[in-house]
């Protein structure tokens, strides 16, 4: 499942929660890191990002 966010350049960004290795708060919003030094910064606050990623990882009820 992919999760959609808005990138700092105002483009939509689709993220696979299974590939996320680290999430941190930055001045521009929230930085989401993946393996091999890749990352994306989105405008949503960290609490919203973590909630969205966690919901996507939960088994469907």
Protein backbone atom coordinates (compact mmCIF):
# COMPACT_ATOMS: atom_id res chain seq x y z
CA UNK A 1 0.00 0.00 0.00
CA UNK A 2 1.25 3.50 -0.81
CA UNK A 3 0.70 6.61 1.30
CA UNK A 4 0.36 10.04 -0.34
CA UNK A 5 1.96 13.21 1.02
CA UNK A 6 2.74 16.68 -0.36
CA UNK A 7 6.42 17.31 -1.03
CA UNK A 8 8.07 20.62 -0.16
CA UNK A 9 8.00 21.47 -3.86
CA UNK A 10 4.16 21.04 -3.71
CA UNK A 11 4.12 17.85 -5.76
CA UNK A 12 2.33 14.73 -4.59
CA UNK A 13 4.67 12.11 -3.20
CA UNK A 14 3.78 8.42 -2.89
CA UNK A 15 5.62 6.46 -0.21
CA UNK A 16 5.80 2.74 0.46
CA UNK A 17 5.69 2.49 4.28
CA UNK A 18 7.56 -0.82 4.20
CA UNK A 19 10.69 0.99 2.93
CA UNK A 20 10.79 3.77 5.56
CA UNK A 21 13.78 3.53 7.90
CA UNK A 22 13.64 6.84 9.79
CA UNK A 23 11.29 9.83 10.20
CA UNK A 24 12.39 13.19 11.63
CA UNK A 25 11.02 16.69 12.03
CA UNK A 26 12.79 19.43 10.04
CA UNK A 27 12.16 23.15 9.48
CA UNK A 28 10.31 22.48 6.18
CA UNK A 29 8.05 19.74 7.58
CA UNK A 30 8.96 16.07 7.99
CA UNK A 31 11.87 14.17 6.45
CA UNK A 32 11.21 10.54 5.58
CA UNK A 33 14.32 8.42 5.03
CA UNK A 34 14.71 5.20 3.10
CA UNK A 35 17.65 2.85 2.63
CA UNK A 36 20.79 3.82 0.71
CA UNK A 37 20.73 7.48 1.79
CA UNK A 38 17.49 8.36 0.00
CA UNK A 39 14.98 10.73 1.61
CA UNK A 40 12.05 13.01 0.87
CA UNK A 41 10.80 16.02 2.80
CA UNK A 42 7.03 16.50 3.03
CA UNK A 43 4.98 19.43 4.35
CA UNK A 44 2.82 17.42 6.76
CA UNK A 45 3.71 17.50 10.49
CA UNK A 46 5.48 14.46 11.90
CA UNK A 47 2.43 13.29 13.91
CA UNK A 48 0.31 13.11 10.74
CA UNK A 49 3.09 11.31 8.83
CA UNK A 50 3.56 8.70 11.55
CA UNK A 51 -0.19 8.13 11.88
CA UNK A 52 -0.58 7.66 8.12
CA UNK A 53 2.39 5.30 7.87
CA UNK A 54 1.21 3.25 10.86
CA UNK A 55 -2.34 2.96 9.49
CA UNK A 56 -0.97 1.70 6.17
CA UNK A 57 1.13 -0.97 7.92
CA UNK A 58 -1.74 -2.36 10.03
CA UNK A 59 -3.52 -5.44 8.74
CA UNK A 60 -6.94 -4.70 7.30
CA UNK A 61 -9.74 -5.28 9.75
